[in-house]
């Protein structure tokens, strides 16, 4: 019986190690991104909105301001840039 138990111990260790490795990989690959469903009108207003229609800069304008490092400056004094 010792040889049977001795043979099972490495098999059990490798199974446990394999399960732990697969657990680590499956948890590490999970995306932390959430999706919220919106109605089409809200999406259209958000994507096409601008300073005149929504009182906020459009997502495209915010992206350009951030890209060129002007977002903080714009938020401090928006009238100067408009």
Protein backbone atom coordinates (compact mmCIF):
# COMPACT_ATOMS: atom_id res chain seq x y z
CA UNK A 1 0.00 0.00 0.00
CA UNK A 2 2.89 2.39 0.51
CA UNK A 3 3.77 2.43 -3.14
CA UNK A 4 0.15 3.19 -4.07
CA UNK A 5 -0.03 6.10 -1.61
CA UNK A 6 3.41 7.26 -2.66
CA UNK A 7 2.31 7.27 -6.31
CA UNK A 8 -0.88 9.18 -5.58
CA UNK A 9 0.81 11.99 -3.67
CA UNK A 10 2.72 13.45 -6.71
CA UNK A 11 -0.41 13.04 -8.82
CA UNK A 12 -2.48 14.93 -6.26
CA UNK A 13 0.13 17.68 -6.01
CA UNK A 14 0.24 18.12 -9.77
CA UNK A 15 -3.58 18.23 -9.97
CA UNK A 16 -3.77 20.86 -7.23
CA UNK A 17 -0.98 22.87 -8.87
CA UNK A 18 -2.73 22.65 -12.25
CA UNK A 19 -6.01 23.82 -10.75
CA UNK A 20 -4.33 26.75 -9.01
CA UNK A 21 -2.53 27.80 -12.18
CA UNK A 22 -5.75 27.65 -14.21
CA UNK A 23 -7.54 29.65 -11.51
CA UNK A 24 -4.86 32.35 -11.60
CA UNK A 25 -5.01 32.59 -15.39
CA UNK A 26 -8.79 32.70 -15.60
CA UNK A 27 -9.02 35.41 -12.93
CA UNK A 28 -6.19 37.40 -14.47
CA UNK A 29 -7.86 37.39 -17.88
CA UNK A 30 -11.22 38.67 -16.68
CA UNK A 31 -11.96 42.13 -18.04
CA UNK A 32 -12.80 44.77 -15.44
CA UNK A 33 -15.00 46.61 -17.95
CA UNK A 34 -18.70 47.02 -17.42
CA UNK A 35 -21.33 47.72 -20.04
CA UNK A 36 -24.51 49.64 -19.44
CA UNK A 37 -27.30 49.53 -21.99
CA UNK A 38 -28.68 52.93 -23.04
CA UNK A 39 -31.47 53.92 -25.33
CA UNK A 40 -30.47 55.18 -28.81
CA UNK A 41 -31.60 58.78 -28.19
CA UNK A 42 -29.33 59.14 -25.16
CA UNK A 43 -26.38 57.70 -27.06
CA UNK A 44 -27.02 60.05 -30.01
CA UNK A 45 -27.24 63.09 -27.71
CA UNK A 46 -24.04 62.10 -25.90
CA UNK A 47 -22.04 61.49 -29.06
CA UNK A 48 -23.22 64.55 -30.98
CA UNK A 49 -23.56 66.97 -28.07
CA UNK A 50 -21.44 70.11 -27.93
CA UNK A 51 -21.04 73.19 -25.74
CA UNK A 52 -24.14 74.84 -27.22
CA UNK A 53 -26.52 71.88 -27.01
CA UNK A 54 -25.45 70.21 -23.77
CA UNK A 55 -23.36 72.80 -21.94
CA UNK A 56 -20.37 70.43 -21.97
CA UNK A 57 -17.60 69.75 -24.43
CA UNK A 58 -18.11 66.82 -26.76
CA UNK A 59 -16.19 63.59 -26.12
CA UNK A 60 -14.09 64.32 -29.24
CA UNK A 61 -13.19 67.81 -27.99
CA UNK A 62 -12.32 66.45 -24.53
CA UNK A 63 -10.05 63.87 -26.17
CA UNK A 64 -8.25 66.54 -28.23
CA UNK A 65 -7.86 68.83 -25.19
CA UNK A 66 -6.38 65.96 -23.18
CA UNK A 67 -4.09 64.90 -26.01
CA UNK A 68 -2.52 68.35 -26.25
CA UNK A 69 -2.47 68.99 -22.48
CA UNK A 70 -5.03 71.79 -22.62
CA UNK A 71 -7.88 70.27 -20.58
CA UNK A 72 -6.94 71.94 -17.29
CA UNK A 73 -6.40 75.28 -19.01
CA UNK A 74 -9.75 75.00 -20.77
CA UNK A 75 -11.61 74.13 -17.56
CA UNK A 76 -10.06 77.10 -15.75
CA UNK A 77 -11.07 79.61 -18.41
CA UNK A 78 -13.37 78.22 -21.13
CA UNK A 79 -14.38 81.68 -22.42
CA UNK A 80 -10.82 82.42 -23.52
CA UNK A 81 -10.79 79.35 -25.80
CA UNK A 82 -14.30 79.68 -27.19
